[in-house]
Amino acid sequence: MPAQRILGPLAGWPVRRWGVAFASAVLFAVVVAVPTDLIDTPLFSREVPPTWWAWPALAASSALAGLLTATYVSPISAVRSSTSHGGYAGGLLTFFAVGCPVCNKVVLLALGSAGAMTWFQPVQPLLQIAAVGLLIWALRQRVRGERQCRIAQPERTPPERTPSV
């Protein structure tokens, strides 16, 4: 039932919102996959090969981030809803979860290369679970806000014309 409460309102989205959801999901995937070297480019390299779950995890986070981004596109009738920062945190956690543990400068400074492999690498799947959880929570908050806080559009009346002299 909780999935129905989130997915039900999405069925009524206009094409414009679905386009934004798709485009931002692709953009999120590229922005995370290039620096983590899931997409091989000459700009970045990886010392440790990606895990088997890196691409499915990135796909899940990308889809959720795309849907979350689309909630900020107002439909034809203006809707205001609560904002949450779970999307930012979920995106950042995804970056750390799918990235190379010894290529991350923050992790290397904090733990060193041995610590990155010993302590950080085993935690990466938990970071991804937390990332997906935060993205689902943020999407749920946005969709719930849209359902509850609809603002009626004022009727547009033509301006009054004054007779010219």
N, C-alpha and C. Protein backbone atom coordinates (compact mmCIF):
# COMPACT_ATOMS: atom_id res chain seq x y z
N MET A 1 0.79 -1.21 0.00
CA MET A 1 0.00 0.00 0.00
C MET A 1 0.83 1.28 0.00
N PRO A 2 1.97 1.35 0.71
CA PRO A 2 2.73 2.60 0.68
C PRO A 2 3.19 2.96 -0.74
N ALA A 3 3.53 1.95 -1.54
CA ALA A 3 3.96 2.24 -2.91
C ALA A 3 2.82 2.85 -3.71
N GLN A 4 1.59 2.41 -3.47
CA GLN A 4 0.44 2.96 -4.18
C GLN A 4 0.25 4.43 -3.85
N ARG A 5 0.53 4.81 -2.59
CA ARG A 5 0.38 6.21 -2.20
C ARG A 5 1.39 7.09 -2.91
N ILE A 6 2.55 6.55 -3.24
CA ILE A 6 3.55 7.33 -3.95
C ILE A 6 3.30 7.26 -5.45
N LEU A 7 3.08 6.05 -5.97
CA LEU A 7 2.99 5.86 -7.42
C LEU A 7 1.65 6.28 -8.00
N GLY A 8 0.59 6.23 -7.20
CA GLY A 8 -0.73 6.60 -7.69
C GLY A 8 -0.78 8.01 -8.28
N PRO A 9 -0.31 9.04 -7.56
CA PRO A 9 -0.34 10.39 -8.11
C PRO A 9 0.56 10.58 -9.33
N LEU A 10 1.58 9.75 -9.48
CA LEU A 10 2.48 9.89 -10.62
C LEU A 10 1.78 9.56 -11.94
N ALA A 11 0.75 8.73 -11.88
CA ALA A 11 0.03 8.34 -13.09
C ALA A 11 -0.64 9.54 -13.75
N GLY A 12 -0.98 10.54 -12.98
CA GLY A 12 -1.64 11.72 -13.53
C GLY A 12 -0.69 12.82 -13.97
N TRP A 13 0.61 12.56 -13.94
CA TRP A 13 1.56 13.59 -14.34
C TRP A 13 1.46 13.90 -15.82
N PRO A 14 1.65 15.16 -16.19
CA PRO A 14 1.69 15.50 -17.62
C PRO A 14 3.01 15.04 -18.26
N VAL A 15 3.00 15.02 -19.57
CA VAL A 15 4.16 14.55 -20.32
C VAL A 15 5.41 15.38 -19.98
N ARG A 16 5.21 16.65 -19.74
CA ARG A 16 6.35 17.53 -19.43
C ARG A 16 7.09 17.03 -18.18
N ARG A 17 6.36 16.63 -17.16
CA ARG A 17 6.99 16.13 -15.94
C ARG A 17 7.73 14.82 -16.19
N TRP A 18 7.14 13.92 -16.97
CA TRP A 18 7.81 12.66 -17.28
C TRP A 18 9.08 12.91 -18.09
N GLY A 19 9.05 13.90 -18.97
CA GLY A 19 10.26 14.25 -19.73
C GLY A 19 11.37 14.75 -18.82
N VAL A 20 11.01 15.60 -17.86
CA VAL A 20 11.99 16.09 -16.90
C VAL A 20 12.51 14.95 -16.04
N ALA A 21 11.63 14.04 -15.64
CA ALA A 21 12.05 12.89 -14.83
C ALA A 21 13.07 12.05 -15.58
N PHE A 22 12.79 11.77 -16.85
CA PHE A 22 13.71 10.95 -17.65
C PHE A 22 15.04 11.67 -17.87
N ALA A 23 14.98 12.94 -18.28
CA ALA A 23 16.21 13.69 -18.56
C ALA A 23 17.06 13.85 -17.30
N SER A 24 16.44 14.15 -16.17
CA SER A 24 17.23 14.33 -14.96
C SER A 24 17.76 12.99 -14.43
N ALA A 25 17.05 11.89 -14.66
CA ALA A 25 17.57 10.58 -14.27
C ALA A 25 18.82 10.24 -15.07
N VAL A 26 18.78 10.51 -16.37
CA VAL A 26 19.96 10.26 -17.22
C VAL A 26 21.11 11.16 -16.80
N LEU A 27 20.81 12.43 -16.55
CA LEU A 27 21.86 13.37 -16.13
C LEU A 27 22.47 12.94 -14.79
N PHE A 28 21.63 12.55 -13.84
CA PHE A 28 22.14 12.07 -12.54
C PHE A 28 23.06 10.88 -12.74
N ALA A 29 22.65 9.92 -13.58
CA ALA A 29 23.46 8.73 -13.82
C ALA A 29 24.82 9.11 -14.40
N VAL A 30 24.83 10.01 -15.36
CA VAL A 30 26.10 10.41 -15.98
C VAL A 30 26.98 11.18 -15.00
N VAL A 31 26.37 12.09 -14.23
CA VAL A 31 27.14 12.89 -13.28
C VAL A 31 27.77 12.02 -12.19
N VAL A 32 27.12 10.93 -11.82
CA VAL A 32 27.71 10.03 -10.82
C VAL A 32 28.63 9.01 -11.49
N ALA A 33 28.26 8.49 -12.65
CA ALA A 33 29.02 7.40 -13.27
C ALA A 33 30.35 7.84 -13.86
N VAL A 34 30.46 9.07 -14.33
CA VAL A 34 31.73 9.50 -14.94
C VAL A 34 32.82 9.66 -13.88
N PRO A 35 32.63 10.45 -12.81
CA PRO A 35 33.73 10.57 -11.85
C PRO A 35 33.99 9.31 -11.02
N THR A 36 33.01 8.43 -10.90
CA THR A 36 33.27 7.17 -10.19
C THR A 36 33.81 6.11 -11.15
N ASP A 37 33.98 6.47 -12.40
CA ASP A 37 34.54 5.62 -13.45
C ASP A 37 33.71 4.37 -13.72
N LEU A 38 32.41 4.46 -13.49
CA LEU A 38 31.54 3.39 -13.97
C LEU A 38 31.42 3.52 -15.49
N ILE A 39 31.40 4.75 -15.98
CA ILE A 39 31.54 5.02 -17.42
C ILE A 39 32.99 5.37 -17.63
N ASP A 40 33.68 4.56 -18.40
CA ASP A 40 35.11 4.73 -18.58
C ASP A 40 35.41 5.95 -19.46
N THR A 41 36.15 6.88 -18.91
CA THR A 41 36.59 8.06 -19.65
C THR A 41 38.07 8.27 -19.35
N PRO A 42 38.76 9.04 -20.19
CA PRO A 42 40.17 9.32 -19.89
C PRO A 42 40.34 10.29 -18.71
N LEU A 43 39.25 10.90 -18.26
CA LEU A 43 39.34 11.88 -17.18
C LEU A 43 39.52 11.23 -15.80
N PHE A 44 38.95 10.05 -15.60
CA PHE A 44 38.98 9.41 -14.29
C PHE A 44 39.39 7.96 -14.43
N SER A 45 39.97 7.42 -13.38
CA SER A 45 40.32 6.00 -13.38
C SER A 45 39.96 5.42 -12.02
N ARG A 46 39.96 4.12 -11.95
CA ARG A 46 39.59 3.38 -10.74
C ARG A 46 40.68 2.39 -10.42
N GLU A 47 41.03 2.30 -9.16
CA GLU A 47 42.01 1.31 -8.71
C GLU A 47 41.34 -0.02 -8.39
N VAL A 48 40.09 0.05 -7.92
CA VAL A 48 39.34 -1.14 -7.53
C VAL A 48 38.18 -1.28 -8.50
N PRO A 49 37.98 -2.45 -9.11
CA PRO A 49 36.87 -2.59 -10.07
C PRO A 49 35.52 -2.38 -9.39
N PRO A 50 34.53 -1.94 -10.17
CA PRO A 50 33.20 -1.72 -9.59
C PRO A 50 32.61 -3.04 -9.07
N THR A 51 31.77 -2.91 -8.07
CA THR A 51 31.10 -4.08 -7.52
C THR A 51 29.98 -4.51 -8.46
N TRP A 52 29.45 -5.70 -8.25
CA TRP A 52 28.38 -6.22 -9.11
C TRP A 52 27.11 -5.40 -8.96
N TRP A 53 26.93 -4.76 -7.83
CA TRP A 53 25.69 -4.04 -7.55
C TRP A 53 25.78 -2.55 -7.89
N ALA A 54 26.91 -2.08 -8.38
CA ALA A 54 27.08 -0.64 -8.63
C ALA A 54 26.09 -0.12 -9.68
N TRP A 55 25.96 -0.81 -10.80
CA TRP A 55 25.04 -0.33 -11.85
C TRP A 55 23.58 -0.42 -11.44
N PRO A 56 23.12 -1.54 -10.87
CA PRO A 56 21.72 -1.56 -10.41
C PRO A 56 21.44 -0.50 -9.34
N ALA A 57 22.40 -0.28 -8.45
CA ALA A 57 22.23 0.74 -7.42
C ALA A 57 22.15 2.13 -8.04
N LEU A 58 23.01 2.39 -9.00
CA LEU A 58 22.98 3.69 -9.67
C LEU A 58 21.68 3.87 -10.46
N ALA A 59 21.20 2.80 -11.09
CA ALA A 59 19.93 2.88 -11.83
C ALA A 59 18.78 3.21 -10.89
N ALA A 60 18.73 2.57 -9.73
CA ALA A 60 17.65 2.83 -8.77
C ALA A 60 17.71 4.27 -8.27
N SER A 61 18.91 4.71 -7.89
CA SER A 61 19.05 6.09 -7.41
C SER A 61 18.74 7.10 -8.50
N SER A 62 19.15 6.81 -9.73
CA SER A 62 18.89 7.73 -10.84
C SER A 62 17.40 7.86 -11.10
N ALA A 63 16.69 6.73 -11.10
CA ALA A 63 15.24 6.78 -11.32
C ALA A 63 14.55 7.58 -10.23
N LEU A 64 14.92 7.34 -8.98
CA LEU A 64 14.31 8.07 -7.88
C LEU A 64 14.67 9.55 -7.92
N ALA A 65 15.92 9.86 -8.25
CA ALA A 65 16.33 11.26 -8.34
C ALA A 65 15.60 11.96 -9.49
N GLY A 66 15.38 11.27 -10.59
CA GLY A 66 14.63 11.84 -11.71
C GLY A 66 13.19 12.14 -11.32
N LEU A 67 12.55 11.19 -10.65
CA LEU A 67 11.17 11.41 -10.19
C LEU A 67 11.11 12.55 -9.19
N LEU A 68 12.08 12.60 -8.29
CA LEU A 68 12.11 13.67 -7.30
C LEU A 68 12.30 15.02 -7.97
N THR A 69 13.18 15.11 -8.93
CA THR A 69 13.41 16.37 -9.65
C THR A 69 12.14 16.81 -10.37
N ALA A 70 11.42 15.86 -10.94
CA ALA A 70 10.19 16.20 -11.68
C ALA A 70 9.11 16.77 -10.78
N THR A 71 9.17 16.48 -9.48
CA THR A 71 8.16 17.06 -8.58
C THR A 71 8.33 18.56 -8.44
N TYR A 72 9.48 19.08 -8.82
CA TYR A 72 9.71 20.52 -8.75
C TYR A 72 9.22 21.24 -10.00
N VAL A 73 8.79 20.50 -11.00
CA VAL A 73 8.21 21.09 -12.20
C VAL A 73 6.72 21.25 -11.94
N SER A 74 6.26 22.48 -11.96
CA SER A 74 4.85 22.67 -11.61
C SER A 74 3.98 22.24 -12.78
N PRO A 75 2.90 21.54 -12.46
CA PRO A 75 1.96 21.18 -13.52
C PRO A 75 1.18 22.42 -13.94
N ILE A 76 0.22 22.24 -14.82
CA ILE A 76 -0.54 23.38 -15.33
C ILE A 76 -1.15 24.17 -14.17
N SER A 77 -1.74 23.49 -13.19
CA SER A 77 -2.23 24.21 -12.02
C SER A 77 -1.10 24.24 -11.01
N ALA A 78 -0.80 25.41 -10.50
CA ALA A 78 0.34 25.57 -9.59
C ALA A 78 0.10 24.78 -8.32
N VAL A 79 1.13 24.10 -7.88
CA VAL A 79 1.07 23.29 -6.67
C VAL A 79 2.27 23.66 -5.83
N ARG A 80 2.03 23.85 -4.55
CA ARG A 80 3.14 24.07 -3.64
C ARG A 80 3.17 22.92 -2.67
N SER A 81 4.37 22.44 -2.39
CA SER A 81 4.48 21.34 -1.45
C SER A 81 5.73 21.53 -0.62
N SER A 82 5.84 20.72 0.40
CA SER A 82 6.99 20.84 1.30
C SER A 82 8.26 20.40 0.56
N THR A 83 9.35 20.99 0.95
CA THR A 83 10.63 20.61 0.38
C THR A 83 11.39 19.78 1.39
N SER A 84 12.28 18.98 0.90
CA SER A 84 13.10 18.19 1.79
C SER A 84 14.50 18.08 1.19
N HIS A 85 15.44 17.87 2.06
CA HIS A 85 16.83 17.77 1.61
C HIS A 85 17.28 16.32 1.50
N GLY A 86 16.34 15.39 1.61
CA GLY A 86 16.68 13.98 1.48
C GLY A 86 17.23 13.64 0.11
N GLY A 87 16.79 14.37 -0.91
CA GLY A 87 17.28 14.12 -2.26
C GLY A 87 18.76 14.44 -2.40
N TYR A 88 19.18 15.55 -1.81
CA TYR A 88 20.60 15.91 -1.87
C TYR A 88 21.45 14.86 -1.15
N ALA A 89 21.01 14.50 0.04
CA ALA A 89 21.76 13.51 0.83
C ALA A 89 21.78 12.16 0.13
N GLY A 90 20.65 11.77 -0.46
CA GLY A 90 20.59 10.49 -1.18
C GLY A 90 21.52 10.48 -2.39
N GLY A 91 21.57 11.57 -3.10
CA GLY A 91 22.48 11.65 -4.25
C GLY A 91 23.94 11.59 -3.84
N LEU A 92 24.28 12.28 -2.76
CA LEU A 92 25.66 12.26 -2.28
C LEU A 92 26.04 10.88 -1.76
N LEU A 93 25.14 10.23 -1.05
CA LEU A 93 25.43 8.88 -0.57
C LEU A 93 25.60 7.90 -1.73
N THR A 94 24.81 8.07 -2.78
CA THR A 94 24.97 7.20 -3.96
C THR A 94 26.36 7.37 -4.56
N PHE A 95 26.83 8.61 -4.63
CA PHE A 95 28.17 8.89 -5.16
C PHE A 95 29.23 8.14 -4.36
N PHE A 96 29.14 8.21 -3.03
CA PHE A 96 30.10 7.50 -2.19
C PHE A 96 29.92 5.99 -2.26
N ALA A 97 28.70 5.53 -2.41
CA ALA A 97 28.44 4.09 -2.41
C ALA A 97 28.97 3.40 -3.66
N VAL A 98 28.82 4.00 -4.83
CA VAL A 98 29.24 3.32 -6.06
C VAL A 98 30.66 3.68 -6.46
N GLY A 99 31.29 4.62 -5.77
CA GLY A 99 32.64 5.04 -6.12
C GLY A 99 33.70 4.06 -5.66
N CYS A 100 34.87 4.25 -6.19
CA CYS A 100 36.04 3.45 -5.82
C CYS A 100 36.45 3.83 -4.39
N PRO A 101 36.60 2.86 -3.50
CA PRO A 101 36.91 3.22 -2.11
C PRO A 101 38.28 3.87 -1.94
N VAL A 102 39.25 3.52 -2.76
CA VAL A 102 40.58 4.12 -2.60
C VAL A 102 40.81 5.30 -3.55
N CYS A 103 39.84 5.62 -4.39
CA CYS A 103 39.96 6.77 -5.28
C CYS A 103 39.31 8.01 -4.67
N ASN A 104 38.56 7.84 -3.61
CA ASN A 104 37.86 8.94 -2.96
C ASN A 104 38.84 9.66 -2.03
N LYS A 105 39.12 10.90 -2.34
CA LYS A 105 40.12 11.66 -1.57
C LYS A 105 39.69 11.87 -0.13
N VAL A 106 38.41 12.08 0.11
CA VAL A 106 37.93 12.28 1.48
C VAL A 106 38.16 11.02 2.30
N VAL A 107 37.83 9.87 1.73
CA VAL A 107 38.01 8.59 2.44
C VAL A 107 39.49 8.32 2.64
N LEU A 108 40.31 8.59 1.63
CA LEU A 108 41.75 8.36 1.76
C LEU A 108 42.35 9.23 2.86
N LEU A 109 41.95 10.49 2.92
CA LEU A 109 42.47 11.36 3.97
C LEU A 109 42.03 10.90 5.35
N ALA A 110 40.80 10.45 5.46
CA ALA A 110 40.28 10.05 6.77
C ALA A 110 40.79 8.68 7.21
N LEU A 111 40.89 7.72 6.28
CA LEU A 111 41.18 6.34 6.67
C LEU A 111 42.47 5.77 6.10
N GLY A 112 43.04 6.42 5.08
CA GLY A 112 44.18 5.84 4.39
C GLY A 112 43.72 4.75 3.45
N SER A 113 44.61 4.24 2.61
CA SER A 113 44.19 3.25 1.61
C SER A 113 43.81 1.92 2.26
N ALA A 114 44.53 1.50 3.27
CA ALA A 114 44.18 0.24 3.95
C ALA A 114 42.84 0.37 4.66
N GLY A 115 42.61 1.50 5.30
CA GLY A 115 41.34 1.74 5.98
C GLY A 115 40.18 1.84 5.00
N ALA A 116 40.46 2.41 3.83
CA ALA A 116 39.40 2.51 2.82
C ALA A 116 38.94 1.13 2.38
N MET A 117 39.87 0.23 2.20
CA MET A 117 39.51 -1.13 1.78
C MET A 117 38.94 -1.94 2.94
N THR A 118 39.47 -1.75 4.13
CA THR A 118 39.06 -2.55 5.29
C THR A 118 37.75 -2.05 5.90
N TRP A 119 37.60 -0.75 6.01
CA TRP A 119 36.45 -0.19 6.72
C TRP A 119 35.40 0.42 5.81
N PHE A 120 35.83 1.15 4.78
CA PHE A 120 34.86 1.88 3.96
C PHE A 120 34.19 0.97 2.92
N GLN A 121 34.94 0.12 2.25
CA GLN A 121 34.37 -0.73 1.21
C GLN A 121 33.22 -1.60 1.73
N PRO A 122 33.33 -2.23 2.90
CA PRO A 122 32.19 -3.03 3.39
C PRO A 122 30.96 -2.20 3.74
N VAL A 123 31.14 -0.91 3.99
CA VAL A 123 30.02 -0.04 4.37
C VAL A 123 29.29 0.51 3.13
N GLN A 124 29.91 0.45 1.97
CA GLN A 124 29.32 1.03 0.77
C GLN A 124 27.93 0.51 0.45
N PRO A 125 27.64 -0.78 0.56
CA PRO A 125 26.26 -1.22 0.31
C PRO A 125 25.25 -0.60 1.28
N LEU A 126 25.67 -0.41 2.53
CA LEU A 126 24.79 0.24 3.50
C LEU A 126 24.54 1.70 3.13
N LEU A 127 25.57 2.35 2.60
CA LEU A 127 25.39 3.73 2.14
C LEU A 127 24.37 3.80 1.00
N GLN A 128 24.42 2.81 0.12
CA GLN A 128 23.47 2.79 -1.00
C GLN A 128 22.06 2.54 -0.51
N ILE A 129 21.90 1.65 0.45
CA ILE A 129 20.57 1.40 1.02
C ILE A 129 20.04 2.67 1.65
N ALA A 130 20.90 3.38 2.39
CA ALA A 130 20.50 4.65 2.99
C ALA A 130 20.16 5.68 1.92
N ALA A 131 20.93 5.70 0.83
CA ALA A 131 20.67 6.65 -0.26
C ALA A 131 19.30 6.41 -0.87
N VAL A 132 18.98 5.16 -1.17
CA VAL A 132 17.68 4.83 -1.76
C VAL A 132 16.56 5.17 -0.77
N GLY A 133 16.79 4.86 0.50
CA GLY A 133 15.79 5.19 1.52
C GLY A 133 15.54 6.69 1.61
N LEU A 134 16.59 7.48 1.58
CA LEU A 134 16.43 8.94 1.63
C LEU A 134 15.71 9.46 0.38
N LEU A 135 16.05 8.92 -0.77
CA LEU A 135 15.40 9.37 -2.00
C LEU A 135 13.92 9.00 -2.00
N ILE A 136 13.58 7.80 -1.52
CA ILE A 136 12.18 7.41 -1.42
C ILE A 136 11.45 8.31 -0.44
N TRP A 137 12.07 8.59 0.69
CA TRP A 137 11.45 9.47 1.69
C TRP A 137 11.20 10.86 1.12
N ALA A 138 12.21 11.41 0.44
CA ALA A 138 12.06 12.75 -0.13
C ALA A 138 10.96 12.77 -1.21
N LEU A 139 10.92 11.74 -2.05
CA LEU A 139 9.88 11.67 -3.08
C LEU A 139 8.51 11.55 -2.44
N ARG A 140 8.40 10.75 -1.41
CA ARG A 140 7.13 10.58 -0.70
C ARG A 140 6.67 11.91 -0.09
N GLN A 141 7.60 12.66 0.49
CA GLN A 141 7.25 13.96 1.07
C GLN A 141 6.75 14.92 0.00
N ARG A 142 7.40 14.94 -1.13
CA ARG A 142 7.00 15.86 -2.20
C ARG A 142 5.63 15.47 -2.76
N VAL A 143 5.41 14.17 -2.99
CA VAL A 143 4.13 13.72 -3.54
C VAL A 143 3.02 13.95 -2.53
N ARG A 144 3.29 13.67 -1.28
CA ARG A 144 2.29 13.91 -0.24
C ARG A 144 1.93 15.41 -0.17
N GLY A 145 2.93 16.26 -0.27
CA GLY A 145 2.68 17.70 -0.26
C GLY A 145 1.84 18.15 -1.44
N GLU A 146 2.04 17.55 -2.59
CA GLU A 146 1.23 17.90 -3.76
C GLU A 146 -0.22 17.50 -3.58
N ARG A 147 -0.43 16.33 -2.98
CA ARG A 147 -1.80 15.86 -2.78
C ARG A 147 -2.53 16.71 -1.75
N GLN A 148 -1.84 17.19 -0.74
CA GLN A 148 -2.49 17.87 0.37
C GLN A 148 -2.56 19.37 0.22
N CYS A 149 -1.68 19.97 -0.54
CA CYS A 149 -1.57 21.43 -0.55
C CYS A 149 -1.87 22.03 -1.92
N ARG A 150 -2.94 21.63 -2.50
CA ARG A 150 -3.28 22.21 -3.79
C ARG A 150 -3.73 23.65 -3.60
N ILE A 151 -3.24 24.52 -4.45
CA ILE A 151 -3.60 25.93 -4.41
C ILE A 151 -4.42 26.22 -5.66
N ALA A 152 -5.60 26.75 -5.45
CA ALA A 152 -6.48 27.05 -6.58
C ALA A 152 -5.92 28.24 -7.35
N GLN A 153 -5.99 28.14 -8.64
CA GLN A 153 -5.57 29.24 -9.50
C GLN A 153 -6.66 30.29 -9.54
N PRO A 154 -6.33 31.56 -9.39
CA PRO A 154 -7.36 32.58 -9.51
C PRO A 154 -7.85 32.65 -10.95
N GLU A 155 -9.13 32.96 -11.09
CA GLU A 155 -9.67 33.09 -12.44
C GLU A 155 -9.10 34.34 -13.08
N ARG A 156 -8.80 34.22 -14.33
CA ARG A 156 -8.25 35.37 -15.05
C ARG A 156 -9.40 36.14 -15.69
N THR A 157 -9.48 37.37 -15.31
CA THR A 157 -10.52 38.23 -15.91
C THR A 157 -9.82 39.25 -16.78
N PRO A 158 -10.44 39.56 -17.89
CA PRO A 158 -9.80 40.56 -18.76
C PRO A 158 -9.75 41.90 -18.06
N PRO A 159 -8.73 42.68 -18.32
CA PRO A 159 -8.64 44.01 -17.69
C PRO A 159 -9.79 44.90 -18.15
N GLU A 160 -10.23 45.75 -17.25
CA GLU A 160 -11.29 46.68 -17.60
C GLU A 160 -10.76 47.74 -18.56
N ARG A 161 -11.60 48.05 -19.50
CA ARG A 161 -11.19 49.07 -20.47
C ARG A 161 -11.84 50.38 -20.09
N THR A 162 -11.04 51.38 -20.11
CA THR A 162 -11.59 52.70 -19.84
C THR A 162 -11.87 53.37 -21.19
N PRO A 163 -13.00 54.06 -21.25
CA PRO A 163 -13.29 54.73 -22.52
C PRO A 163 -12.28 55.82 -22.81
N SER A 164 -11.87 55.87 -24.04
CA SER A 164 -10.91 56.91 -24.42
C SER A 164 -11.67 58.18 -24.78
N VAL A 165 -11.10 59.28 -24.45
CA VAL A 165 -11.76 60.56 -24.70
C VAL A 165 -11.27 61.19 -25.95
